[in-house]
C-alpha cells in the first residue's frame, strides 16, 4: 500500500486508509463539505470532501476502512488530501496491522529498559510496588500497547511506554545534577505517573477516551491504582505512600492543567518538569514531521507559539 508518510504535493493517491474522524462543516458560501482525518501506521493526513453530492462519494463513518481516490495538495505548509471518490473498503482489501500508528522504537526493548530501572530502585517497598505493576502480564501487555494521548503527544501504540521511559530517563539524569533528590522516589513516581492511561484510553484503532476516562481522568485513576496496590504491601510506610501519591496527583504541575494538587516536594517538581518537557518536545517533533517545510509552521495551540524547524545551514 501507499503509506501516508510517503505523500508529496501533487501526488495522485488511490488506496485504503482508516478514517479516524469525520465531520461536516460549511464553506463561506454555505455549502456543506466533510473534514476527514485518514490514518495509517505512519501518520495521518487532513482530508476534505468538497462535493458531498458527488456520485463517487459513498457513506462511511469514523473507524471505517475507506477506499479513497484523490489529489495531495499543500495548504499553509501542510499536506492535505482532496478526496474525489470514497467508499467503505471490503475486508479483503486491507490488513489492520498497516493502520495502527506505532512507536518508532522497539516495544520489547523499551520495556526491558524500563525493567532495568525497576531493578535500580533500592527501597524494598517501592521496588515491590513497581513489580506489582510491571511484573503483572495483563497490565504490562496493555501498558506496552496503549497510547499516551488521543492527539497531543505520543498518540500511537506504544506511546505510553515510550513517554514513561523517556520521563524516567530524564528524572534519572536530573538526580545526577541535584543530589539531594530521593532517586528511588522520583524514579518510582516517574514510572507510575501515567499508569491511569491504561484505563483512560481505548485500544486502537479507536484510541478515544473511555467513559471512565471522561468522568475521572488518568491522574485520579492512576492514583487509585497505585494506592490499591500499596495497601496490599505489608508495612508500606504511610508517609512514603503519601509522597508517591502526591507526585502522581501533581505531575501536571498546575491546577488549570488538571492536577488536583500543585507540586509540594522537590521530587514532584522534578517529575512535573520532566513530564512537561517530554510532552512538549514530542509535540514539536510530531508537528515538524507532519509539515515538510523549513519555513514558520504557524501557531501551535499546544505549545502556544508560532513554531519553526531549526536551520542546518551553519
C-alpha atoms as a PDB file:
ATOM      1  CA  UNK A   1       0.000   0.000   0.000  1.00  0.00           C
ATOM      2  CA  UNK A   2       0.995   3.655  -0.299  1.00  0.00           C
ATOM      3  CA  UNK A   3       1.817   4.935   3.195  1.00  0.00           C
ATOM      4  CA  UNK A   4       0.902   8.457   4.285  1.00  0.00           C
ATOM      5  CA  UNK A   5       4.479   9.408   5.182  1.00  0.00           C
ATOM      6  CA  UNK A   6       5.413   8.995   1.502  1.00  0.00           C
ATOM      7  CA  UNK A   7       2.817  11.532   0.260  1.00  0.00           C
ATOM      8  CA  UNK A   8       4.121  14.558  -1.625  1.00  0.00           C
ATOM      9  CA  UNK A   9       2.430  17.640  -3.017  1.00  0.00           C
ATOM     10  CA  UNK A  10       0.846  16.829  -6.394  1.00  0.00           C
ATOM     11  CA  UNK A  11       0.622  13.055  -5.882  1.00  0.00           C
ATOM     12  CA  UNK A  12      -2.395  11.085  -7.087  1.00  0.00           C
ATOM     13  CA  UNK A  13      -3.422   8.503  -4.498  1.00  0.00           C
ATOM     14  CA  UNK A  14      -5.825   5.573  -4.684  1.00  0.00           C
ATOM     15  CA  UNK A  15      -5.673   3.234  -1.690  1.00  0.00           C
ATOM     16  CA  UNK A  16      -7.320   2.189   1.579  1.00  0.00           C
ATOM     17  CA  UNK A  17      -6.928   4.182   4.816  1.00  0.00           C
ATOM     18  CA  UNK A  18      -8.548   4.173   8.240  1.00  0.00           C
ATOM     19  CA  UNK A  19     -10.937   7.051   8.913  1.00  0.00           C
ATOM     20  CA  UNK A  20     -10.010   8.477  12.313  1.00  0.00           C
ATOM     21  CA  UNK A  21     -12.669  11.194  12.279  1.00  0.00           C
ATOM     22  CA  UNK A  22     -15.295  12.705  10.011  1.00  0.00           C
ATOM     23  CA  UNK A  23     -17.318  15.881  10.497  1.00  0.00           C
ATOM     24  CA  UNK A  24     -19.468  18.130   8.335  1.00  0.00           C
ATOM     25  CA  UNK A  25     -18.712  21.846   8.017  1.00  0.00           C
ATOM     26  CA  UNK A  26     -19.836  24.782   5.892  1.00  0.00           C
ATOM     27  CA  UNK A  27     -17.861  26.833   3.394  1.00  0.00           C
ATOM     28  CA  UNK A  28     -18.138  30.627   3.499  1.00  0.00           C
ATOM     29  CA  UNK A  29     -20.735  30.284   0.747  1.00  0.00           C
ATOM     30  CA  UNK A  30     -22.821  27.989   2.947  1.00  0.00           C
ATOM     31  CA  UNK A  31     -22.083  24.736   1.121  1.00  0.00           C
ATOM     32  CA  UNK A  32     -21.515  21.572   3.136  1.00  0.00           C
ATOM     33  CA  UNK A  33     -18.210  19.724   2.951  1.00  0.00           C
ATOM     34  CA  UNK A  34     -16.558  16.982   5.019  1.00  0.00           C
ATOM     35  CA  UNK A  35     -13.468  17.247   7.222  1.00  0.00           C
ATOM     36  CA  UNK A  36     -11.848  13.814   7.347  1.00  0.00           C
ATOM     37  CA  UNK A  37      -8.725  12.572   9.107  1.00  0.00           C
ATOM     38  CA  UNK A  38      -7.220   9.498   7.433  1.00  0.00           C
ATOM     39  CA  UNK A  39      -4.534   7.451   9.163  1.00  0.00           C
ATOM     40  CA  UNK A  40      -2.209   4.527   8.694  1.00  0.00           C
ATOM     41  CA  UNK A  41       0.652   3.291  10.848  1.00  0.00           C
ATOM     42  CA  UNK A  42       2.984   6.004   9.538  1.00  0.00           C
ATOM     43  CA  UNK A  43       0.808   9.006  10.359  1.00  0.00           C
ATOM     44  CA  UNK A  44      -2.310  10.923   9.451  1.00  0.00           C
ATOM     45  CA  UNK A  45      -3.445  13.456   6.883  1.00  0.00           C
ATOM     46  CA  UNK A  46      -6.088  16.154   6.927  1.00  0.00           C
ATOM     47  CA  UNK A  47      -8.553  15.404   4.129  1.00  0.00           C
ATOM     48  CA  UNK A  48     -11.515  17.183   2.530  1.00  0.00           C
ATOM     49  CA  UNK A  49     -14.530  16.084   0.533  1.00  0.00           C
ATOM     50  CA  UNK A  50     -15.665  19.267  -1.165  1.00  0.00           C
ATOM     51  CA  UNK A  51     -18.558  17.735  -3.126  1.00  0.00           C
ATOM     52  CA  UNK A  52     -20.620  15.540  -0.833  1.00  0.00           C
ATOM     53  CA  UNK A  53     -23.256  15.065  -3.534  1.00  0.00           C
ATOM     54  CA  UNK A  54     -20.793  13.503  -5.967  1.00  0.00           C
ATOM     55  CA  UNK A  55     -21.740  10.059  -7.237  1.00  0.00           C
ATOM     56  CA  UNK A  56     -18.262   8.880  -6.297  1.00  0.00           C
ATOM     57  CA  UNK A  57     -18.789   9.543  -2.581  1.00  0.00           C
ATOM     58  CA  UNK A  58     -20.427   6.699  -0.655  1.00  0.00           C
ATOM     59  CA  UNK A  59     -21.351   6.642   3.039  1.00  0.00           C
ATOM     60  CA  UNK A  60     -18.631   5.891   5.585  1.00  0.00           C
ATOM     61  CA  UNK A  61     -18.009   6.889   9.189  1.00  0.00           C
ATOM     62  CA  UNK A  62     -15.181   7.220  11.711  1.00  0.00           C
ATOM     63  CA  UNK A  63     -13.325   3.934  12.355  1.00  0.00           C
ATOM     64  CA  UNK A  64     -14.257   2.589   8.913  1.00  0.00           C
ATOM     65  CA  UNK A  65     -11.574   1.453   6.475  1.00  0.00           C
ATOM     66  CA  UNK A  66     -12.135   3.605   3.407  1.00  0.00           C
ATOM     67  CA  UNK A  67     -11.003   3.165  -0.192  1.00  0.00           C
ATOM     68  CA  UNK A  68     -10.247   6.687  -1.414  1.00  0.00           C
ATOM     69  CA  UNK A  69      -9.002   8.309  -4.606  1.00  0.00           C
ATOM     70  CA  UNK A  70      -7.837  11.881  -4.872  1.00  0.00           C
ATOM     71  CA  UNK A  71      -5.100  14.504  -5.039  1.00  0.00           C
ATOM     72  CA  UNK A  72      -2.458  15.530  -2.485  1.00  0.00           C
ATOM     73  CA  UNK A  73      -2.100  19.298  -2.205  1.00  0.00           C
ATOM     74  CA  UNK A  74      -0.232  21.705   0.071  1.00  0.00           C
ATOM     75  CA  UNK A  75      -2.142  24.169   2.260  1.00  0.00           C
ATOM     76  CA  UNK A  76      -0.467  26.518   4.770  1.00  0.00           C
ATOM     77  CA  UNK A  77       2.689  24.434   4.697  1.00  0.00           C
ATOM     78  CA  UNK A  78       0.908  21.145   5.420  1.00  0.00           C
ATOM     79  CA  UNK A  79      -0.196  18.378   3.079  1.00  0.00           C
ATOM     80  CA  UNK A  80      -3.908  17.906   2.512  1.00  0.00           C
ATOM     81  CA  UNK A  81      -5.835  15.171   0.714  1.00  0.00           C
ATOM     82  CA  UNK A  82      -8.608  16.275  -1.655  1.00  0.00           C
ATOM     83  CA  UNK A  83     -10.865  13.201  -1.772  1.00  0.00           C
ATOM     84  CA  UNK A  84     -12.679  12.717  -5.086  1.00  0.00           C
ATOM     85  CA  UNK A  85     -14.000   9.185  -4.578  1.00  0.00           C
ATOM     86  CA  UNK A  86     -14.613   7.248  -1.352  1.00  0.00           C
ATOM     87  CA  UNK A  87     -16.324   4.040  -0.203  1.00  0.00           C
ATOM     88  CA  UNK A  88     -16.096   1.586   2.670  1.00  0.00           C
ATOM     89  CA  UNK A  89     -13.440  -0.984   1.889  1.00  0.00           C
ATOM     90  CA  UNK A  90     -14.089  -4.728   1.907  1.00  0.00           C
ATOM     91  CA  UNK A  91     -12.243  -6.829   4.493  1.00  0.00           C
ATOM     92  CA  UNK A  92     -10.046  -8.426   1.836  1.00  0.00           C
ATOM     93  CA  UNK A  93      -8.735  -5.009   0.757  1.00  0.00           C
ATOM     94  CA  UNK A  94      -6.670  -4.201   3.871  1.00  0.00           C
ATOM     95  CA  UNK A  95      -4.528  -5.592   6.699  1.00  0.00           C
ATOM     96  CA  UNK A  96      -5.379  -3.945  10.069  1.00  0.00           C
ATOM     97  CA  UNK A  97      -1.693  -4.032  11.097  1.00  0.00           C
ATOM     98  CA  UNK A  98      -0.964  -1.451   8.374  1.00  0.00           C
ATOM     99  CA  UNK A  99      -3.166   1.131  10.091  1.00  0.00           C
ATOM    100  CA  UNK A 100      -2.094   1.238  13.718  1.00  0.00           C
ATOM    101  CA  UNK A 101       0.416   4.057  14.295  1.00  0.00           C
ATOM    102  CA  UNK A 102       3.241   2.609  16.375  1.00  0.00           C
ATOM    103  CA  UNK A 103       6.270   3.924  18.254  1.00  0.00           C
ATOM    104  CA  UNK A 104       9.467   4.359  16.246  1.00  0.00           C
ATOM    105  CA  UNK A 105      11.211   2.236  18.850  1.00  0.00           C
ATOM    106  CA  UNK A 106      11.047  -1.484  19.559  1.00  0.00           C
ATOM    107  CA  UNK A 107       8.362  -2.137  22.181  1.00  0.00           C
ATOM    108  CA  UNK A 108      10.071  -5.046  23.924  1.00  0.00           C
ATOM    109  CA  UNK A 109      13.403  -3.228  24.014  1.00  0.00           C
ATOM    110  CA  UNK A 110      11.790  -0.201  25.653  1.00  0.00           C
ATOM    111  CA  UNK A 111      10.050  -2.389  28.223  1.00  0.00           C
ATOM    112  CA  UNK A 112      13.341  -4.144  29.018  1.00  0.00           C
ATOM    113  CA  UNK A 113      14.943  -0.746  29.616  1.00  0.00           C
ATOM    114  CA  UNK A 114      12.084   0.225  31.917  1.00  0.00           C
ATOM    115  CA  UNK A 115      12.505  -3.009  33.895  1.00  0.00           C
ATOM    116  CA  UNK A 116      16.181  -2.149  34.436  1.00  0.00           C
ATOM    117  CA  UNK A 117      15.010   0.990  36.217  1.00  0.00           C
ATOM    118  CA  UNK A 118      12.790  -1.184  38.408  1.00  0.00           C
ATOM    119  CA  UNK A 119      15.860  -3.199  39.410  1.00  0.00           C
ATOM    120  CA  UNK A 120      17.820   0.007  40.064  1.00  0.00           C
ATOM    121  CA  UNK A 121      15.424   1.040  42.851  1.00  0.00           C
ATOM    122  CA  UNK A 122      16.926   0.167  46.232  1.00  0.00           C
ATOM    123  CA  UNK A 123      13.942   0.746  48.510  1.00  0.00           C
ATOM    124  CA  UNK A 124      12.255  -2.636  49.004  1.00  0.00           C
ATOM    125  CA  UNK A 125       8.744  -1.184  49.316  1.00  0.00           C
ATOM    126  CA  UNK A 126       8.974   0.845  46.124  1.00  0.00           C
ATOM    127  CA  UNK A 127      10.605  -1.995  44.191  1.00  0.00           C
ATOM    128  CA  UNK A 128       7.804  -4.326  45.294  1.00  0.00           C
ATOM    129  CA  UNK A 129       5.215  -1.751  44.193  1.00  0.00           C
ATOM    130  CA  UNK A 130       6.824  -1.410  40.746  1.00  0.00           C
ATOM    131  CA  UNK A 131       6.951  -5.179  40.310  1.00  0.00           C
ATOM    132  CA  UNK A 132       3.257  -5.434  41.169  1.00  0.00           C
ATOM    133  CA  UNK A 133       2.577  -3.261  38.112  1.00  0.00           C
ATOM    134  CA  UNK A 134       5.214  -4.143  35.547  1.00  0.00           C
ATOM    135  CA  UNK A 135       5.532  -7.783  36.569  1.00  0.00           C
ATOM    136  CA  UNK A 136       1.801  -8.258  36.003  1.00  0.00           C
ATOM    137  CA  UNK A 137       1.498  -9.742  32.488  1.00  0.00           C
ATOM    138  CA  UNK A 138      -2.004  -8.394  31.867  1.00  0.00           C
ATOM    139  CA  UNK A 139      -1.080  -4.859  32.956  1.00  0.00           C
ATOM    140  CA  UNK A 140       2.243  -4.966  31.085  1.00  0.00           C
ATOM    141  CA  UNK A 141       0.554  -6.036  27.847  1.00  0.00           C
ATOM    142  CA  UNK A 142      -1.830  -3.087  27.998  1.00  0.00           C
ATOM    143  CA  UNK A 143       0.901  -0.671  29.105  1.00  0.00           C
ATOM    144  CA  UNK A 144       3.027  -1.661  26.098  1.00  0.00           C
ATOM    145  CA  UNK A 145       0.284  -1.082  23.542  1.00  0.00           C
ATOM    146  CA  UNK A 146      -1.840   1.859  24.642  1.00  0.00           C
ATOM    147  CA  UNK A 147      -1.056   5.426  23.537  1.00  0.00           C
ATOM    148  CA  UNK A 148      -0.146   8.292  25.859  1.00  0.00           C
ATOM    149  CA  UNK A 149      -2.798  10.627  24.441  1.00  0.00           C
ATOM    150  CA  UNK A 150      -5.640  10.833  21.972  1.00  0.00           C
ATOM    151  CA  UNK A 151      -3.922  13.523  19.903  1.00  0.00           C
ATOM    152  CA  UNK A 152      -1.451  15.842  21.635  1.00  0.00           C
ATOM    153  CA  UNK A 153       1.715  13.740  22.048  1.00  0.00           C
ATOM    154  CA  UNK A 154       2.685  10.069  21.784  1.00  0.00           C
ATOM    155  CA  UNK A 155      -0.721   9.308  20.249  1.00  0.00           C
ATOM    156  CA  UNK A 156       0.339   5.911  18.907  1.00  0.00           C
ATOM    157  CA  UNK A 157       0.580   2.294  20.043  1.00  0.00           C
ATOM    158  CA  UNK A 158       3.488   2.066  22.469  1.00  0.00           C
ATOM    159  CA  UNK A 159       3.198   5.789  23.163  1.00  0.00           C
ATOM    160  CA  UNK A 160       2.546   5.391  26.879  1.00  0.00           C
ATOM    161  CA  UNK A 161       5.590   3.143  27.245  1.00  0.00           C
ATOM    162  CA  UNK A 162       7.791   5.468  25.175  1.00  0.00           C
ATOM    163  CA  UNK A 163       6.691   8.540  27.145  1.00  0.00           C
ATOM    164  CA  UNK A 164       7.047   6.833  30.546  1.00  0.00           C
ATOM    165  CA  UNK A 165      10.534   5.563  29.701  1.00  0.00           C
ATOM    166  CA  UNK A 166      11.591   8.987  28.443  1.00  0.00           C
ATOM    167  CA  UNK A 167      10.313  10.740  31.588  1.00  0.00           C
ATOM    168  CA  UNK A 168      12.053   8.137  33.756  1.00  0.00           C
ATOM    169  CA  UNK A 169      15.351   8.711  31.910  1.00  0.00           C
ATOM    170  CA  UNK A 170      15.013  12.473  32.355  1.00  0.00           C
ATOM    171  CA  UNK A 171      14.333  12.043  36.072  1.00  0.00           C
ATOM    172  CA  UNK A 172      17.349   9.759  36.437  1.00  0.00           C
ATOM    173  CA  UNK A 173      19.561  12.427  34.873  1.00  0.00           C
ATOM    174  CA  UNK A 174      18.006  15.173  36.993  1.00  0.00           C
ATOM    175  CA  UNK A 175      19.038  13.172  40.069  1.00  0.00           C
ATOM    176  CA  UNK A 176      22.686  13.262  38.978  1.00  0.00           C
ATOM    177  CA  UNK A 177      22.526  17.065  38.895  1.00  0.00           C
ATOM    178  CA  UNK A 178      20.539  17.587  42.112  1.00  0.00           C
ATOM    179  CA  UNK A 179      21.960  15.085  44.559  1.00  0.00           C
ATOM    180  CA  UNK A 180      19.529  15.964  47.370  1.00  0.00           C
ATOM    181  CA  UNK A 181      16.640  14.382  45.454  1.00  0.00           C
ATOM    182  CA  UNK A 182      15.356  10.987  46.586  1.00  0.00           C
ATOM    183  CA  UNK A 183      16.154   8.981  43.459  1.00  0.00           C
ATOM    184  CA  UNK A 184      14.061   5.959  44.409  1.00  0.00           C
ATOM    185  CA  UNK A 185      11.003   8.148  44.984  1.00  0.00           C
ATOM    186  CA  UNK A 186      11.476  10.112  41.768  1.00  0.00           C
ATOM    187  CA  UNK A 187      12.153   7.055  39.567  1.00  0.00           C
ATOM    188  CA  UNK A 188       9.193   5.175  41.061  1.00  0.00           C
ATOM    189  CA  UNK A 189       6.858   8.137  40.553  1.00  0.00           C
ATOM    190  CA  UNK A 190       8.113   8.677  37.003  1.00  0.00           C
ATOM    191  CA  UNK A 191       7.368   5.085  36.017  1.00  0.00           C
ATOM    192  CA  UNK A 192       3.928   5.194  37.638  1.00  0.00           C
ATOM    193  CA  UNK A 193       2.818   8.757  36.874  1.00  0.00           C
ATOM    194  CA  UNK A 194       0.654   7.843  33.853  1.00  0.00           C
ATOM    195  CA  UNK A 195      -0.489   4.296  34.685  1.00  0.00           C
ATOM    196  CA  UNK A 196      -4.088   5.543  34.752  1.00  0.00           C
ATOM    197  CA  UNK A 197      -3.941   5.910  30.978  1.00  0.00           C
ATOM    198  CA  UNK A 198      -4.343   2.150  30.568  1.00  0.00           C
ATOM    199  CA  UNK A 199      -7.934   2.798  31.720  1.00  0.00           C
ATOM    200  CA  UNK A 200      -8.390   6.301  30.318  1.00  0.00           C
ATOM    201  CA  UNK A 201      -7.815   5.430  26.640  1.00  0.00           C
ATOM    202  CA  UNK A 202      -9.341   2.706  24.472  1.00  0.00           C
ATOM    203  CA  UNK A 203      -7.460   0.398  22.133  1.00  0.00           C
ATOM    204  CA  UNK A 204      -6.591   1.227  18.542  1.00  0.00           C
ATOM    205  CA  UNK A 205      -7.977   1.937  16.051  1.00  0.00           C
ATOM    206  CA  UNK A 206     -10.454   3.900  18.180  1.00  0.00           C
ATOM    207  CA  UNK A 207      -7.889   5.380  20.610  1.00  0.00           C
ATOM    208  CA  UNK A 208     -10.505   7.514  22.343  1.00  0.00           C
ATOM    209  CA  UNK A 209     -11.419   8.364  25.909  1.00  0.00           C
ATOM    210  CA  UNK A 210     -13.331   5.658  27.763  1.00  0.00           C
ATOM    211  CA  UNK A 211     -16.351   6.568  29.895  1.00  0.00           C
ATOM    212  CA  UNK A 212     -14.161   6.163  32.977  1.00  0.00           C
ATOM    213  CA  UNK A 213     -11.524   8.348  31.357  1.00  0.00           C
ATOM    214  CA  UNK A 214     -14.012  11.104  30.617  1.00  0.00           C
ATOM    215  CA  UNK A 215     -15.520  11.013  34.104  1.00  0.00           C
ATOM    216  CA  UNK A 216     -12.351  10.666  36.189  1.00  0.00           C
ATOM    217  CA  UNK A 217      -9.213  11.169  34.064  1.00  0.00           C
ATOM    218  CA  UNK A 218      -5.906   9.347  34.242  1.00  0.00           C
ATOM    219  CA  UNK A 219      -4.481  11.289  37.203  1.00  0.00           C
ATOM    220  CA  UNK A 220      -7.254  10.268  39.592  1.00  0.00           C
ATOM    221  CA  UNK A 221      -7.440   6.722  38.202  1.00  0.00           C
ATOM    222  CA  UNK A 222      -3.667   6.322  38.369  1.00  0.00           C
ATOM    223  CA  UNK A 223      -3.606   7.494  41.990  1.00  0.00           C
ATOM    224  CA  UNK A 224      -6.334   4.990  42.865  1.00  0.00           C
ATOM    225  CA  UNK A 225      -4.496   2.156  41.100  1.00  0.00           C
ATOM    226  CA  UNK A 226      -1.264   2.890  42.960  1.00  0.00           C
ATOM    227  CA  UNK A 227      -2.947   3.250  46.360  1.00  0.00           C
ATOM    228  CA  UNK A 228      -4.838  -0.012  45.812  1.00  0.00           C
ATOM    229  CA  UNK A 229      -1.564  -1.902  45.307  1.00  0.00           C
ATOM    230  CA  UNK A 230       0.218  -0.099  48.140  1.00  0.00           C
ATOM    231  CA  UNK A 231      -2.470  -1.330  50.546  1.00  0.00           C
ATOM    232  CA  UNK A 232      -1.535  -4.900  49.590  1.00  0.00           C
ATOM    233  CA  UNK A 233       2.105  -4.444  50.650  1.00  0.00           C
ATOM    234  CA  UNK A 234       2.584  -5.198  54.345  1.00  0.00           C
ATOM    235  CA  UNK A 235       4.213  -2.401  56.292  1.00  0.00           C
ATOM    236  CA  UNK A 236       4.357   0.101  53.416  1.00  0.00           C
ATOM    237  CA  UNK A 237       5.303   3.413  55.129  1.00  0.00           C
ATOM    238  CA  UNK A 238       2.353   5.787  55.289  1.00  0.00           C
ATOM    239  CA  UNK A 239       4.420   8.906  54.586  1.00  0.00           C
ATOM    240  CA  UNK A 240       6.087   7.266  51.567  1.00  0.00           C
ATOM    241  CA  UNK A 241       2.667   6.304  50.196  1.00  0.00           C
ATOM    242  CA  UNK A 242       1.531   9.924  50.513  1.00  0.00           C
ATOM    243  CA  UNK A 243       4.687  11.191  48.782  1.00  0.00           C
ATOM    244  CA  UNK A 244       4.228   8.828  45.828  1.00  0.00           C
ATOM    245  CA  UNK A 245       0.534   9.684  45.649  1.00  0.00           C
ATOM    246  CA  UNK A 246       1.335  13.398  45.752  1.00  0.00           C
ATOM    247  CA  UNK A 247       3.815  13.068  42.873  1.00  0.00           C
ATOM    248  CA  UNK A 248       1.140  11.381  40.756  1.00  0.00           C
ATOM    249  CA  UNK A 249      -1.603  13.864  41.679  1.00  0.00           C
ATOM    250  CA  UNK A 250       0.597  16.897  40.964  1.00  0.00           C
ATOM    251  CA  UNK A 251       2.503  15.745  37.868  1.00  0.00           C
ATOM    252  CA  UNK A 252       0.725  18.165  35.508  1.00  0.00           C
ATOM    253  CA  UNK A 253       2.204  20.973  37.585  1.00  0.00           C
ATOM    254  CA  UNK A 254      -0.714  23.395  37.633  1.00  0.00           C
ATOM    255  CA  UNK A 255      -4.348  23.189  38.716  1.00  0.00           C
ATOM    256  CA  UNK A 256      -5.511  24.528  35.344  1.00  0.00           C
ATOM    257  CA  UNK A 257      -3.711  21.653  33.603  1.00  0.00           C
ATOM    258  CA  UNK A 258      -5.707  19.055  35.515  1.00  0.00           C
ATOM    259  CA  UNK A 259      -3.574  18.384  38.582  1.00  0.00           C
ATOM    260  CA  UNK A 260      -5.654  18.195  41.799  1.00  0.00           C
ATOM    261  CA  UNK A 261      -2.580  19.475  43.684  1.00  0.00           C
ATOM    262  CA  UNK A 262       0.428  21.629  42.824  1.00  0.00           C
ATOM    263  CA  UNK A 263       3.872  20.096  43.489  1.00  0.00           C
ATOM    264  CA  UNK A 264       4.856  20.498  47.138  1.00  0.00           C
ATOM    265  CA  UNK A 265       8.035  18.403  47.352  1.00  0.00           C
ATOM    266  CA  UNK A 266      11.180  18.548  45.247  1.00  0.00           C
ATOM    267  CA  UNK A 267      10.590  15.172  43.570  1.00  0.00           C
ATOM    268  CA  UNK A 268       7.090  16.257  42.491  1.00  0.00           C
ATOM    269  CA  UNK A 269       8.527  19.458  40.987  1.00  0.00           C
ATOM    270  CA  UNK A 270      11.162  17.478  39.095  1.00  0.00           C
ATOM    271  CA  UNK A 271       8.585  14.967  37.820  1.00  0.00           C
ATOM    272  CA  UNK A 272       6.192  17.651  36.573  1.00  0.00           C
ATOM    273  CA  UNK A 273       9.027  19.390  34.709  1.00  0.00           C
ATOM    274  CA  UNK A 274      10.278  16.161  33.126  1.00  0.00           C
ATOM    275  CA  UNK A 275       6.744  15.205  32.101  1.00  0.00           C
ATOM    276  CA  UNK A 276       6.135  18.647  30.592  1.00  0.00           C
ATOM    277  CA  UNK A 277       9.480  18.630  28.758  1.00  0.00           C
ATOM    278  CA  UNK A 278       8.920  15.240  27.154  1.00  0.00           C
ATOM    279  CA  UNK A 279       5.320  16.032  26.175  1.00  0.00           C
ATOM    280  CA  UNK A 280       6.229  19.373  24.579  1.00  0.00           C
ATOM    281  CA  UNK A 281       9.311  18.167  22.730  1.00  0.00           C
ATOM    282  CA  UNK A 282       7.396  15.189  21.331  1.00  0.00           C
ATOM    283  CA  UNK A 283       4.526  17.510  20.326  1.00  0.00           C
ATOM    284  CA  UNK A 284       7.078  19.661  18.483  1.00  0.00           C
ATOM    285  CA  UNK A 285       8.731  16.647  16.837  1.00  0.00           C
ATOM    286  CA  UNK A 286       5.393  15.369  15.561  1.00  0.00           C
ATOM    287  CA  UNK A 287       4.409  18.830  14.245  1.00  0.00           C
ATOM    288  CA  UNK A 288       7.703  19.151  12.356  1.00  0.00           C
ATOM    289  CA  UNK A 289       7.303  15.647  10.958  1.00  0.00           C
ATOM    290  CA  UNK A 290       3.830  16.391   9.556  1.00  0.00           C
ATOM    291  CA  UNK A 291       4.730  19.759   7.985  1.00  0.00           C
ATOM    292  CA  UNK A 292       7.517  19.250   5.463  1.00  0.00           C
ATOM    293  CA  UNK A 293       8.859  22.797   5.273  1.00  0.00           C
ATOM    294  CA  UNK A 294      11.731  24.902   6.625  1.00  0.00           C
ATOM    295  CA  UNK A 295       9.501  27.956   6.983  1.00  0.00           C
ATOM    296  CA  UNK A 296       7.493  29.047  10.020  1.00  0.00           C
ATOM    297  CA  UNK A 297       4.815  26.437  10.635  1.00  0.00           C
ATOM    298  CA  UNK A 298       2.181  28.688  12.179  1.00  0.00           C
ATOM    299  CA  UNK A 299       0.604  28.819  15.617  1.00  0.00           C
ATOM    300  CA  UNK A 300       0.552  25.587  17.602  1.00  0.00           C
ATOM    301  CA  UNK A 301      -2.063  25.774  20.358  1.00  0.00           C
ATOM    302  CA  UNK A 302      -0.431  23.072  22.480  1.00  0.00           C
ATOM    303  CA  UNK A 303       2.875  24.934  22.525  1.00  0.00           C
ATOM    304  CA  UNK A 304       1.171  28.357  22.477  1.00  0.00           C
ATOM    305  CA  UNK A 305       3.669  29.616  19.924  1.00  0.00           C
ATOM    306  CA  UNK A 306       4.432  30.022  16.230  1.00  0.00           C
ATOM    307  CA  UNK A 307       6.975  27.261  15.584  1.00  0.00           C
ATOM    308  CA  UNK A 308       9.767  26.708  13.076  1.00  0.00           C
ATOM    309  CA  UNK A 309      12.244  23.996  12.147  1.00  0.00           C
ATOM    310  CA  UNK A 310      15.856  24.609  13.207  1.00  0.00           C
ATOM    311  CA  UNK A 311      18.128  25.623  10.331  1.00  0.00           C
ATOM    312  CA  UNK A 312      21.074  23.390   9.416  1.00  0.00           C
ATOM    313  CA  UNK A 313      22.850  25.978   7.298  1.00  0.00           C
ATOM    314  CA  UNK A 314      25.557  26.921   9.806  1.00  0.00           C
END
